[in-house]
mmCIF file of all heavy atoms, coordinates in Angstrom:
data_MODEL
# 
_entry.id   MODEL 
# 
loop_
_atom_site.group_PDB 
_atom_site.id 
_atom_site.type_symbol 
_atom_site.label_atom_id 
_atom_site.label_alt_id 
_atom_site.label_comp_id 
_atom_site.label_asym_id 
_atom_site.label_entity_id 
_atom_site.label_seq_id 
_atom_site.pdbx_PDB_ins_code 
_atom_site.Cartn_x 
_atom_site.Cartn_y 
_atom_site.Cartn_z 
_atom_site.occupancy 
_atom_site.B_iso_or_equiv 
_atom_site.pdbx_formal_charge 
_atom_site.auth_seq_id 
_atom_site.auth_comp_id 
_atom_site.auth_asym_id 
_atom_site.auth_atom_id 
_atom_site.pdbx_PDB_model_num 
ATOM 1   N N   . HIS A 1 1  ? 3.880  -17.661 8.041   1.00 0.00 ? 1  HIS A N   1 
ATOM 2   C CA  . HIS A 1 1  ? 2.729  -16.899 7.578   1.00 0.00 ? 1  HIS A CA  1 
ATOM 3   C C   . HIS A 1 1  ? 2.135  -16.013 8.662   1.00 0.00 ? 1  HIS A C   1 
ATOM 4   O O   . HIS A 1 1  ? 1.491  -15.006 8.369   1.00 0.00 ? 1  HIS A O   1 
ATOM 5   C CB  . HIS A 1 1  ? 1.672  -17.860 7.031   1.00 0.00 ? 1  HIS A CB  1 
ATOM 6   C CG  . HIS A 1 1  ? 2.205  -18.780 5.991   1.00 0.00 ? 1  HIS A CG  1 
ATOM 7   N ND1 . HIS A 1 1  ? 2.147  -20.149 6.097   1.00 0.00 ? 1  HIS A ND1 1 
ATOM 8   C CD2 . HIS A 1 1  ? 2.854  -18.534 4.820   1.00 0.00 ? 1  HIS A CD2 1 
ATOM 9   C CE1 . HIS A 1 1  ? 2.708  -20.710 5.045   1.00 0.00 ? 1  HIS A CE1 1 
ATOM 10  N NE2 . HIS A 1 1  ? 3.149  -19.748 4.256   1.00 0.00 ? 1  HIS A NE2 1 
ATOM 11  N N   . GLU A 1 2  ? 2.348  -16.381 9.923   1.00 0.00 ? 2  GLU A N   1 
ATOM 12  C CA  . GLU A 1 2  ? 1.799  -15.593 11.028  1.00 0.00 ? 2  GLU A CA  1 
ATOM 13  C C   . GLU A 1 2  ? 2.438  -14.209 11.119  1.00 0.00 ? 2  GLU A C   1 
ATOM 14  O O   . GLU A 1 2  ? 1.918  -13.315 11.808  1.00 0.00 ? 2  GLU A O   1 
ATOM 15  C CB  . GLU A 1 2  ? 1.991  -16.338 12.359  1.00 0.00 ? 2  GLU A CB  1 
ATOM 16  C CG  . GLU A 1 2  ? 3.409  -16.343 12.914  1.00 0.00 ? 2  GLU A CG  1 
ATOM 17  C CD  . GLU A 1 2  ? 4.357  -17.313 12.212  1.00 0.00 ? 2  GLU A CD  1 
ATOM 18  O OE1 . GLU A 1 2  ? 3.894  -18.071 11.330  1.00 0.00 ? 2  GLU A OE1 1 
ATOM 19  O OE2 . GLU A 1 2  ? 5.558  -17.314 12.557  1.00 0.00 ? 2  GLU A OE2 1 
ATOM 20  N N   . ARG A 1 3  ? 3.548  -13.987 10.439  1.00 0.00 ? 3  ARG A N   1 
ATOM 21  C CA  . ARG A 1 3  ? 4.215  -12.689 10.465  1.00 0.00 ? 3  ARG A CA  1 
ATOM 22  C C   . ARG A 1 3  ? 3.504  -11.651 9.607   1.00 0.00 ? 3  ARG A C   1 
ATOM 23  O O   . ARG A 1 3  ? 3.829  -10.456 9.675   1.00 0.00 ? 3  ARG A O   1 
ATOM 24  C CB  . ARG A 1 3  ? 5.663  -12.821 9.975   1.00 0.00 ? 3  ARG A CB  1 
ATOM 25  C CG  . ARG A 1 3  ? 6.523  -13.744 10.808  1.00 0.00 ? 3  ARG A CG  1 
ATOM 26  C CD  . ARG A 1 3  ? 6.695  -13.204 12.207  1.00 0.00 ? 3  ARG A CD  1 
ATOM 27  N NE  . ARG A 1 3  ? 7.607  -14.031 12.980  1.00 0.00 ? 3  ARG A NE  1 
ATOM 28  C CZ  . ARG A 1 3  ? 7.639  -14.067 14.303  1.00 0.00 ? 3  ARG A CZ  1 
ATOM 29  N NH1 . ARG A 1 3  ? 6.813  -13.298 14.995  1.00 0.00 ? 3  ARG A NH1 1 
ATOM 30  N NH2 . ARG A 1 3  ? 8.492  -14.838 14.930  1.00 0.00 ? 3  ARG A NH2 1 
ATOM 31  N N   . LEU A 1 4  ? 2.555  -12.070 8.790   1.00 0.00 ? 4  LEU A N   1 
ATOM 32  C CA  . LEU A 1 4  ? 1.833  -11.150 7.910   1.00 0.00 ? 4  LEU A CA  1 
ATOM 33  C C   . LEU A 1 4  ? 0.714  -10.482 8.702   1.00 0.00 ? 4  LEU A C   1 
ATOM 34  O O   . LEU A 1 4  ? -0.371 -11.037 8.870   1.00 0.00 ? 4  LEU A O   1 
ATOM 35  C CB  . LEU A 1 4  ? 1.275  -11.905 6.700   1.00 0.00 ? 4  LEU A CB  1 
ATOM 36  C CG  . LEU A 1 4  ? 2.324  -12.527 5.776   1.00 0.00 ? 4  LEU A CG  1 
ATOM 37  C CD1 . LEU A 1 4  ? 1.711  -13.644 4.946   1.00 0.00 ? 4  LEU A CD1 1 
ATOM 38  C CD2 . LEU A 1 4  ? 2.942  -11.465 4.872   1.00 0.00 ? 4  LEU A CD2 1 
ATOM 39  N N   . GLN A 1 5  ? 0.973  -9.296  9.204   1.00 0.00 ? 5  GLN A N   1 
ATOM 40  C CA  . GLN A 1 5  ? 0.016  -8.574  10.036  1.00 0.00 ? 5  GLN A CA  1 
ATOM 41  C C   . GLN A 1 5  ? -0.568 -7.390  9.263   1.00 0.00 ? 5  GLN A C   1 
ATOM 42  O O   . GLN A 1 5  ? 0.159  -6.660  8.588   1.00 0.00 ? 5  GLN A O   1 
ATOM 43  C CB  . GLN A 1 5  ? 0.712  -8.054  11.301  1.00 0.00 ? 5  GLN A CB  1 
ATOM 44  C CG  . GLN A 1 5  ? 1.357  -9.144  12.140  1.00 0.00 ? 5  GLN A CG  1 
ATOM 45  C CD  . GLN A 1 5  ? 0.342  -10.098 12.728  1.00 0.00 ? 5  GLN A CD  1 
ATOM 46  O OE1 . GLN A 1 5  ? -0.722 -9.684  13.215  1.00 0.00 ? 5  GLN A OE1 1 
ATOM 47  N NE2 . GLN A 1 5  ? 0.646  -11.392 12.690  1.00 0.00 ? 5  GLN A NE2 1 
ATOM 48  N N   . ILE A 1 6  ? -1.890 -7.217  9.378   1.00 0.00 ? 6  ILE A N   1 
ATOM 49  C CA  . ILE A 1 6  ? -2.535 -6.072  8.735   1.00 0.00 ? 6  ILE A CA  1 
ATOM 50  C C   . ILE A 1 6  ? -2.686 -4.959  9.763   1.00 0.00 ? 6  ILE A C   1 
ATOM 51  O O   . ILE A 1 6  ? -3.240 -5.163  10.843  1.00 0.00 ? 6  ILE A O   1 
ATOM 52  C CB  . ILE A 1 6  ? -3.891 -6.463  8.136   1.00 0.00 ? 6  ILE A CB  1 
ATOM 53  C CG1 . ILE A 1 6  ? -3.685 -7.485  7.015   1.00 0.00 ? 6  ILE A CG1 1 
ATOM 54  C CG2 . ILE A 1 6  ? -4.609 -5.226  7.598   1.00 0.00 ? 6  ILE A CG2 1 
ATOM 55  C CD1 . ILE A 1 6  ? -4.951 -7.932  6.332   1.00 0.00 ? 6  ILE A CD1 1 
ATOM 56  N N   . GLU A 1 7  ? -2.167 -3.773  9.418   1.00 0.00 ? 7  GLU A N   1 
ATOM 57  C CA  . GLU A 1 7  ? -2.173 -2.636  10.327  1.00 0.00 ? 7  GLU A CA  1 
ATOM 58  C C   . GLU A 1 7  ? -2.729 -1.409  9.620   1.00 0.00 ? 7  GLU A C   1 
ATOM 59  O O   . GLU A 1 7  ? -2.730 -1.325  8.393   1.00 0.00 ? 7  GLU A O   1 
ATOM 60  C CB  . GLU A 1 7  ? -0.743 -2.352  10.820  1.00 0.00 ? 7  GLU A CB  1 
ATOM 61  C CG  . GLU A 1 7  ? -0.110 -3.526  11.555  1.00 0.00 ? 7  GLU A CG  1 
ATOM 62  C CD  . GLU A 1 7  ? 1.314  -3.236  11.993  1.00 0.00 ? 7  GLU A CD  1 
ATOM 63  O OE1 . GLU A 1 7  ? 1.820  -2.112  11.733  1.00 0.00 ? 7  GLU A OE1 1 
ATOM 64  O OE2 . GLU A 1 7  ? 1.935  -4.138  12.601  1.00 0.00 ? 7  GLU A OE2 1 
ATOM 65  N N   . GLU A 1 8  ? -3.163 -0.443  10.407  1.00 0.00 ? 8  GLU A N   1 
ATOM 66  C CA  . GLU A 1 8  ? -3.621 0.828   9.866   1.00 0.00 ? 8  GLU A CA  1 
ATOM 67  C C   . GLU A 1 8  ? -2.475 1.832   9.868   1.00 0.00 ? 8  GLU A C   1 
ATOM 68  O O   . GLU A 1 8  ? -1.565 1.753   10.698  1.00 0.00 ? 8  GLU A O   1 
ATOM 69  C CB  . GLU A 1 8  ? -4.797 1.366   10.684  1.00 0.00 ? 8  GLU A CB  1 
ATOM 70  C CG  . GLU A 1 8  ? -6.051 0.513   10.557  1.00 0.00 ? 8  GLU A CG  1 
ATOM 71  C CD  . GLU A 1 8  ? -7.248 1.156   11.232  1.00 0.00 ? 8  GLU A CD  1 
ATOM 72  O OE1 . GLU A 1 8  ? -7.050 2.170   11.954  1.00 0.00 ? 8  GLU A OE1 1 
ATOM 73  O OE2 . GLU A 1 8  ? -8.369 0.657   11.052  1.00 0.00 ? 8  GLU A OE2 1 
ATOM 74  N N   . ALA A 1 9  ? -2.513 2.749   8.920   1.00 0.00 ? 9  ALA A N   1 
ATOM 75  C CA  . ALA A 1 9  ? -1.471 3.765   8.796   1.00 0.00 ? 9  ALA A CA  1 
ATOM 76  C C   . ALA A 1 9  ? -2.086 5.027   8.216   1.00 0.00 ? 9  ALA A C   1 
ATOM 77  O O   . ALA A 1 9  ? -3.167 4.989   7.605   1.00 0.00 ? 9  ALA A O   1 
ATOM 78  C CB  . ALA A 1 9  ? -0.344 3.257   7.894   1.00 0.00 ? 9  ALA A CB  1 
ATOM 79  N N   . PRO A 1 10 ? -1.433 6.172   8.384   1.00 0.00 ? 10 PRO A N   1 
ATOM 80  C CA  . PRO A 1 10 ? -1.963 7.421   7.814   1.00 0.00 ? 10 PRO A CA  1 
ATOM 81  C C   . PRO A 1 10 ? -2.040 7.357   6.290   1.00 0.00 ? 10 PRO A C   1 
ATOM 82  O O   . PRO A 1 10 ? -1.218 6.716   5.638   1.00 0.00 ? 10 PRO A O   1 
ATOM 83  C CB  . PRO A 1 10 ? -0.953 8.479   8.265   1.00 0.00 ? 10 PRO A CB  1 
ATOM 84  C CG  . PRO A 1 10 ? -0.255 7.874   9.439   1.00 0.00 ? 10 PRO A CG  1 
ATOM 85  C CD  . PRO A 1 10 ? -0.215 6.404   9.174   1.00 0.00 ? 10 PRO A CD  1 
ATOM 86  N N   . THR A 1 11 ? -3.009 8.058   5.745   1.00 0.00 ? 11 THR A N   1 
ATOM 87  C CA  . THR A 1 11 ? -3.121 8.156   4.292   1.00 0.00 ? 11 THR A CA  1 
ATOM 88  C C   . THR A 1 11 ? -1.909 8.892   3.733   1.00 0.00 ? 11 THR A C   1 
ATOM 89  O O   . THR A 1 11 ? -1.587 9.998   4.188   1.00 0.00 ? 11 THR A O   1 
ATOM 90  C CB  . THR A 1 11 ? -4.405 8.910   3.910   1.00 0.00 ? 11 THR A CB  1 
ATOM 91  O OG1 . THR A 1 11 ? -5.534 8.170   4.380   1.00 0.00 ? 11 THR A OG1 1 
ATOM 92  C CG2 . THR A 1 11 ? -4.506 9.082   2.396   1.00 0.00 ? 11 THR A CG2 1 
ATOM 93  N N   . PRO A 1 12 ? -1.207 8.297   2.766   1.00 0.00 ? 12 PRO A N   1 
ATOM 94  C CA  . PRO A 1 12 ? -0.009 8.958   2.226   1.00 0.00 ? 12 PRO A CA  1 
ATOM 95  C C   . PRO A 1 12 ? -0.369 10.096  1.275   1.00 0.00 ? 12 PRO A C   1 
ATOM 96  O O   . PRO A 1 12 ? -1.414 10.085  0.630   1.00 0.00 ? 12 PRO A O   1 
ATOM 97  C CB  . PRO A 1 12 ? 0.696  7.823   1.476   1.00 0.00 ? 12 PRO A CB  1 
ATOM 98  C CG  . PRO A 1 12 ? -0.424 6.907   1.047   1.00 0.00 ? 12 PRO A CG  1 
ATOM 99  C CD  . PRO A 1 12 ? -1.457 6.982   2.147   1.00 0.00 ? 12 PRO A CD  1 
ATOM 100 N N   . THR A 1 13 ? 0.511  11.073  1.206   1.00 0.00 ? 13 THR A N   1 
ATOM 101 C CA  . THR A 1 13 ? 0.320  12.235  0.334   1.00 0.00 ? 13 THR A CA  1 
ATOM 102 C C   . THR A 1 13 ? 1.396  12.242  -0.740  1.00 0.00 ? 13 THR A C   1 
ATOM 103 O O   . THR A 1 13 ? 2.584  12.139  -0.423  1.00 0.00 ? 13 THR A O   1 
ATOM 104 C CB  . THR A 1 13 ? 0.406  13.543  1.141   1.00 0.00 ? 13 THR A CB  1 
ATOM 105 O OG1 . THR A 1 13 ? -0.606 13.528  2.150   1.00 0.00 ? 13 THR A OG1 1 
ATOM 106 C CG2 . THR A 1 13 ? 0.204  14.753  0.237   1.00 0.00 ? 13 THR A CG2 1 
ATOM 107 N N   . PRO A 1 14 ? 1.021  12.366  -2.009  1.00 0.00 ? 14 PRO A N   1 
ATOM 108 C CA  . PRO A 1 14 ? 2.042  12.356  -3.067  1.00 0.00 ? 14 PRO A CA  1 
ATOM 109 C C   . PRO A 1 14 ? 2.852  13.643  -3.081  1.00 0.00 ? 14 PRO A C   1 
ATOM 110 O O   . PRO A 1 14 ? 2.323  14.735  -2.857  1.00 0.00 ? 14 PRO A O   1 
ATOM 111 C CB  . PRO A 1 14 ? 1.214  12.210  -4.355  1.00 0.00 ? 14 PRO A CB  1 
ATOM 112 C CG  . PRO A 1 14 ? -0.135 12.756  -4.000  1.00 0.00 ? 14 PRO A CG  1 
ATOM 113 C CD  . PRO A 1 14 ? -0.347 12.438  -2.551  1.00 0.00 ? 14 PRO A CD  1 
ATOM 114 N N   . GLY A 1 15 ? 4.147  13.498  -3.334  1.00 0.00 ? 15 GLY A N   1 
ATOM 115 C CA  . GLY A 1 15 ? 5.013  14.655  -3.504  1.00 0.00 ? 15 GLY A CA  1 
ATOM 116 C C   . GLY A 1 15 ? 5.143  14.987  -4.975  1.00 0.00 ? 15 GLY A C   1 
ATOM 117 O O   . GLY A 1 15 ? 4.450  14.427  -5.836  1.00 0.00 ? 15 GLY A O   1 
ATOM 118 N N   . PRO A 1 16 ? 6.029  15.901  -5.322  1.00 0.00 ? 16 PRO A N   1 
ATOM 119 C CA  . PRO A 1 16 ? 6.234  16.252  -6.734  1.00 0.00 ? 16 PRO A CA  1 
ATOM 120 C C   . PRO A 1 16 ? 6.604  15.025  -7.570  1.00 0.00 ? 16 PRO A C   1 
ATOM 121 O O   . PRO A 1 16 ? 7.430  14.210  -7.169  1.00 0.00 ? 16 PRO A O   1 
ATOM 122 C CB  . PRO A 1 16 ? 7.407  17.239  -6.664  1.00 0.00 ? 16 PRO A CB  1 
ATOM 123 C CG  . PRO A 1 16 ? 7.343  17.809  -5.285  1.00 0.00 ? 16 PRO A CG  1 
ATOM 124 C CD  . PRO A 1 16 ? 6.872  16.701  -4.414  1.00 0.00 ? 16 PRO A CD  1 
ATOM 125 N N   . GLY A 1 17 ? 5.946  14.895  -8.708  1.00 0.00 ? 17 GLY A N   1 
ATOM 126 C CA  . GLY A 1 17 ? 6.230  13.775  -9.607  1.00 0.00 ? 17 GLY A CA  1 
ATOM 127 C C   . GLY A 1 17 ? 5.614  12.464  -9.195  1.00 0.00 ? 17 GLY A C   1 
ATOM 128 O O   . GLY A 1 17 ? 5.904  11.430  -9.804  1.00 0.00 ? 17 GLY A O   1 
ATOM 129 N N   . GLU A 1 18 ? 4.730  12.499  -8.184  1.00 0.00 ? 18 GLU A N   1 
ATOM 130 C CA  . GLU A 1 18 ? 4.136  11.252  -7.673  1.00 0.00 ? 18 GLU A CA  1 
ATOM 131 C C   . GLU A 1 18 ? 2.618  11.240  -7.815  1.00 0.00 ? 18 GLU A C   1 
ATOM 132 O O   . GLU A 1 18 ? 1.979  12.288  -7.950  1.00 0.00 ? 18 GLU A O   1 
ATOM 133 C CB  . GLU A 1 18 ? 4.497  11.071  -6.194  1.00 0.00 ? 18 GLU A CB  1 
ATOM 134 C CG  . GLU A 1 18 ? 5.979  10.870  -5.930  1.00 0.00 ? 18 GLU A CG  1 
ATOM 135 C CD  . GLU A 1 18 ? 6.278  10.713  -4.462  1.00 0.00 ? 18 GLU A CD  1 
ATOM 136 O OE1 . GLU A 1 18 ? 5.537  11.281  -3.618  1.00 0.00 ? 18 GLU A OE1 1 
ATOM 137 O OE2 . GLU A 1 18 ? 7.277  10.031  -4.129  1.00 0.00 ? 18 GLU A OE2 1 
ATOM 138 N N   . LEU A 1 19 ? 2.064  10.032  -7.745  1.00 0.00 ? 19 LEU A N   1 
ATOM 139 C CA  . LEU A 1 19 ? 0.620  9.817   -7.738  1.00 0.00 ? 19 LEU A CA  1 
ATOM 140 C C   . LEU A 1 19 ? 0.248  8.993   -6.515  1.00 0.00 ? 19 LEU A C   1 
ATOM 141 O O   . LEU A 1 19 ? 1.043  8.176   -6.038  1.00 0.00 ? 19 LEU A O   1 
ATOM 142 C CB  . LEU A 1 19 ? 0.176  9.034   -8.971  1.00 0.00 ? 19 LEU A CB  1 
ATOM 143 C CG  . LEU A 1 19 ? 0.360  9.629   -10.359 1.00 0.00 ? 19 LEU A CG  1 
ATOM 144 C CD1 . LEU A 1 19 ? 0.002  8.587   -11.415 1.00 0.00 ? 19 LEU A CD1 1 
ATOM 145 C CD2 . LEU A 1 19 ? -0.526 10.854  -10.516 1.00 0.00 ? 19 LEU A CD2 1 
ATOM 146 N N   . ARG A 1 20 ? -0.974 9.191   -6.043  1.00 0.00 ? 20 ARG A N   1 
ATOM 147 C CA  . ARG A 1 20 ? -1.524 8.255   -5.047  1.00 0.00 ? 20 ARG A CA  1 
ATOM 148 C C   . ARG A 1 20 ? -2.590 7.402   -5.724  1.00 0.00 ? 20 ARG A C   1 
ATOM 149 O O   . ARG A 1 20 ? -3.435 7.909   -6.466  1.00 0.00 ? 20 ARG A O   1 
ATOM 150 C CB  . ARG A 1 20 ? -2.131 8.979   -3.860  1.00 0.00 ? 20 ARG A CB  1 
ATOM 151 C CG  . ARG A 1 20 ? -2.594 7.980   -2.758  1.00 0.00 ? 20 ARG A CG  1 
ATOM 152 C CD  . ARG A 1 20 ? -3.140 8.689   -1.532  1.00 0.00 ? 20 ARG A CD  1 
ATOM 153 N NE  . ARG A 1 20 ? -4.416 9.337   -1.824  1.00 0.00 ? 20 ARG A NE  1 
ATOM 154 C CZ  . ARG A 1 20 ? -4.783 10.518  -1.316  1.00 0.00 ? 20 ARG A CZ  1 
ATOM 155 N NH1 . ARG A 1 20 ? -3.943 11.187  -0.540  1.00 0.00 ? 20 ARG A NH1 1 
ATOM 156 N NH2 . ARG A 1 20 ? -5.956 11.041  -1.625  1.00 0.00 ? 20 ARG A NH2 1 
ATOM 157 N N   . ILE A 1 21 ? -2.517 6.111   -5.477  1.00 0.00 ? 21 ILE A N   1 
ATOM 158 C CA  . ILE A 1 21 ? -3.465 5.163   -6.051  1.00 0.00 ? 21 ILE A CA  1 
ATOM 159 C C   . ILE A 1 21 ? -4.304 4.570   -4.926  1.00 0.00 ? 21 ILE A C   1 
ATOM 160 O O   . ILE A 1 21 ? -3.765 4.112   -3.912  1.00 0.00 ? 21 ILE A O   1 
ATOM 161 C CB  . ILE A 1 21 ? -2.730 4.042   -6.801  1.00 0.00 ? 21 ILE A CB  1 
ATOM 162 C CG1 . ILE A 1 21 ? -1.894 4.618   -7.943  1.00 0.00 ? 21 ILE A CG1 1 
ATOM 163 C CG2 . ILE A 1 21 ? -3.715 3.003   -7.328  1.00 0.00 ? 21 ILE A CG2 1 
ATOM 164 C CD1 . ILE A 1 21 ? -0.970 3.599   -8.593  1.00 0.00 ? 21 ILE A CD1 1 
ATOM 165 N N   . ASP A 1 22 ? -5.631 4.604   -5.089  1.00 0.00 ? 22 ASP A N   1 
ATOM 166 C CA  . ASP A 1 22 ? -6.513 3.818   -4.235  1.00 0.00 ? 22 ASP A CA  1 
ATOM 167 C C   . ASP A 1 22 ? -6.489 2.402   -4.790  1.00 0.00 ? 22 ASP A C   1 
ATOM 168 O O   . ASP A 1 22 ? -7.028 2.131   -5.869  1.00 0.00 ? 22 ASP A O   1 
ATOM 169 C CB  . ASP A 1 22 ? -7.931 4.380   -4.238  1.00 0.00 ? 22 ASP A CB  1 
ATOM 170 C CG  . ASP A 1 22 ? -8.034 5.679   -3.425  1.00 0.00 ? 22 ASP A CG  1 
ATOM 171 O OD1 . ASP A 1 22 ? -7.070 6.020   -2.712  1.00 0.00 ? 22 ASP A OD1 1 
ATOM 172 O OD2 . ASP A 1 22 ? -9.087 6.338   -3.511  1.00 0.00 ? 22 ASP A OD2 1 
ATOM 173 N N   . VAL A 1 23 ? -5.833 1.516   -4.078  1.00 0.00 ? 23 VAL A N   1 
ATOM 174 C CA  . VAL A 1 23 ? -5.516 0.190   -4.602  1.00 0.00 ? 23 VAL A CA  1 
ATOM 175 C C   . VAL A 1 23 ? -6.736 -0.730  -4.519  1.00 0.00 ? 23 VAL A C   1 
ATOM 176 O O   . VAL A 1 23 ? -7.366 -0.858  -3.465  1.00 0.00 ? 23 VAL A O   1 
ATOM 177 C CB  . VAL A 1 23 ? -4.336 -0.415  -3.819  1.00 0.00 ? 23 VAL A CB  1 
ATOM 178 C CG1 . VAL A 1 23 ? -4.068 -1.839  -4.276  1.00 0.00 ? 23 VAL A CG1 1 
ATOM 179 C CG2 . VAL A 1 23 ? -3.091 0.453   -4.001  1.00 0.00 ? 23 VAL A CG2 1 
ATOM 180 N N   . ALA A 1 24 ? -7.055 -1.361  -5.636  1.00 0.00 ? 24 ALA A N   1 
ATOM 181 C CA  . ALA A 1 24 ? -8.132 -2.345  -5.679  1.00 0.00 ? 24 ALA A CA  1 
ATOM 182 C C   . ALA A 1 24 ? -7.595 -3.767  -5.673  1.00 0.00 ? 24 ALA A C   1 
ATOM 183 O O   . ALA A 1 24 ? -8.265 -4.685  -5.180  1.00 0.00 ? 24 ALA A O   1 
ATOM 184 C CB  . ALA A 1 24 ? -8.988 -2.131  -6.927  1.00 0.00 ? 24 ALA A CB  1 
ATOM 185 N N   . ALA A 1 25 ? -6.412 -3.969  -6.222  1.00 0.00 ? 25 ALA A N   1 
ATOM 186 C CA  . ALA A 1 25 ? -5.860 -5.321  -6.356  1.00 0.00 ? 25 ALA A CA  1 
ATOM 187 C C   . ALA A 1 25 ? -4.342 -5.261  -6.274  1.00 0.00 ? 25 ALA A C   1 
ATOM 188 O O   . ALA A 1 25 ? -3.721 -4.275  -6.693  1.00 0.00 ? 25 ALA A O   1 
ATOM 189 C CB  . ALA A 1 25 ? -6.299 -5.940  -7.697  1.00 0.00 ? 25 ALA A CB  1 
ATOM 190 N N   . ILE A 1 26 ? -3.762 -6.338  -5.736  1.00 0.00 ? 26 ILE A N   1 
ATOM 191 C CA  . ILE A 1 26 ? -2.322 -6.405  -5.478  1.00 0.00 ? 26 ILE A CA  1 
ATOM 192 C C   . ILE A 1 26 ? -1.787 -7.728  -6.004  1.00 0.00 ? 26 ILE A C   1 
ATOM 193 O O   . ILE A 1 26 ? -2.295 -8.796  -5.637  1.00 0.00 ? 26 ILE A O   1 
ATOM 194 C CB  . ILE A 1 26 ? -2.039 -6.324  -3.965  1.00 0.00 ? 26 ILE A CB  1 
ATOM 195 C CG1 . ILE A 1 26 ? -2.644 -5.054  -3.353  1.00 0.00 ? 26 ILE A CG1 1 
ATOM 196 C CG2 . ILE A 1 26 ? -0.545 -6.433  -3.683  1.00 0.00 ? 26 ILE A CG2 1 
ATOM 197 C CD1 . ILE A 1 26 ? -2.888 -5.162  -1.853  1.00 0.00 ? 26 ILE A CD1 1 
ATOM 198 N N   . GLY A 1 27 ? -0.784 -7.686  -6.848  1.00 0.00 ? 27 GLY A N   1 
ATOM 199 C CA  . GLY A 1 27 ? -0.175 -8.915  -7.331  1.00 0.00 ? 27 GLY A CA  1 
ATOM 200 C C   . GLY A 1 27 ? 0.678  -9.571  -6.253  1.00 0.00 ? 27 GLY A C   1 
ATOM 201 O O   . GLY A 1 27 ? 1.391  -8.899  -5.508  1.00 0.00 ? 27 GLY A O   1 
ATOM 202 N N   . VAL A 1 28 ? 0.579  -10.891 -6.160  1.00 0.00 ? 28 VAL A N   1 
ATOM 203 C CA  . VAL A 1 28 ? 1.369  -11.675 -5.210  1.00 0.00 ? 28 VAL A CA  1 
ATOM 204 C C   . VAL A 1 28 ? 2.446  -12.418 -5.991  1.00 0.00 ? 28 VAL A C   1 
ATOM 205 O O   . VAL A 1 28 ? 2.149  -13.098 -6.975  1.00 0.00 ? 28 VAL A O   1 
ATOM 206 C CB  . VAL A 1 28 ? 0.489  -12.678 -4.436  1.00 0.00 ? 28 VAL A CB  1 
ATOM 207 C CG1 . VAL A 1 28 ? 1.330  -13.499 -3.453  1.00 0.00 ? 28 VAL A CG1 1 
ATOM 208 C CG2 . VAL A 1 28 ? -0.622 -11.951 -3.690  1.00 0.00 ? 28 VAL A CG2 1 
ATOM 209 N N   . ASN A 1 29 ? 3.688  -12.287 -5.565  1.00 0.00 ? 29 ASN A N   1 
ATOM 210 C CA  . ASN A 1 29 ? 4.809  -12.939 -6.225  1.00 0.00 ? 29 ASN A CA  1 
ATOM 211 C C   . ASN A 1 29 ? 5.579  -13.794 -5.236  1.00 0.00 ? 29 ASN A C   1 
ATOM 212 O O   . ASN A 1 29 ? 5.577  -13.531 -4.027  1.00 0.00 ? 29 ASN A O   1 
ATOM 213 C CB  . ASN A 1 29 ? 5.739  -11.883 -6.832  1.00 0.00 ? 29 ASN A CB  1 
ATOM 214 C CG  . ASN A 1 29 ? 5.060  -11.111 -7.948  1.00 0.00 ? 29 ASN A CG  1 
ATOM 215 O OD1 . ASN A 1 29 ? 4.923  -11.593 -9.057  1.00 0.00 ? 29 ASN A OD1 1 
ATOM 216 N ND2 . ASN A 1 29 ? 4.620  -9.886  -7.651  1.00 0.00 ? 29 ASN A ND2 1 
ATOM 217 N N   . TYR A 1 30 ? 6.272  -14.808 -5.757  1.00 0.00 ? 30 TYR A N   1 
ATOM 218 C CA  . TYR A 1 30 ? 7.035  -15.682 -4.870  1.00 0.00 ? 30 TYR A CA  1 
ATOM 219 C C   . TYR A 1 30 ? 8.086  -14.885 -4.098  1.00 0.00 ? 30 TYR A C   1 
ATOM 220 O O   . TYR A 1 30 ? 8.408  -15.215 -2.955  1.00 0.00 ? 30 TYR A O   1 
ATOM 221 C CB  . TYR A 1 30 ? 7.698  -16.802 -5.675  1.00 0.00 ? 30 TYR A CB  1 
ATOM 222 C CG  . TYR A 1 30 ? 8.205  -17.922 -4.796  1.00 0.00 ? 30 TYR A CG  1 
ATOM 223 C CD1 . TYR A 1 30 ? 7.346  -18.913 -4.357  1.00 0.00 ? 30 TYR A CD1 1 
ATOM 224 C CD2 . TYR A 1 30 ? 9.536  -17.959 -4.393  1.00 0.00 ? 30 TYR A CD2 1 
ATOM 225 C CE1 . TYR A 1 30 ? 7.796  -19.936 -3.535  1.00 0.00 ? 30 TYR A CE1 1 
ATOM 226 C CE2 . TYR A 1 30 ? 9.994  -18.971 -3.571  1.00 0.00 ? 30 TYR A CE2 1 
ATOM 227 C CZ  . TYR A 1 30 ? 9.125  -19.956 -3.145  1.00 0.00 ? 30 TYR A CZ  1 
ATOM 228 O OH  . TYR A 1 30 ? 9.582  -20.946 -2.323  1.00 0.00 ? 30 TYR A OH  1 
# 
């Protein structure tokens, strides 16, 4: 679990045919 590191990164820009989502919630799967 210690490998899960939170880092900052540049804001991504959508290309043609894409959307950017401001994420409020993230599903966790096995």
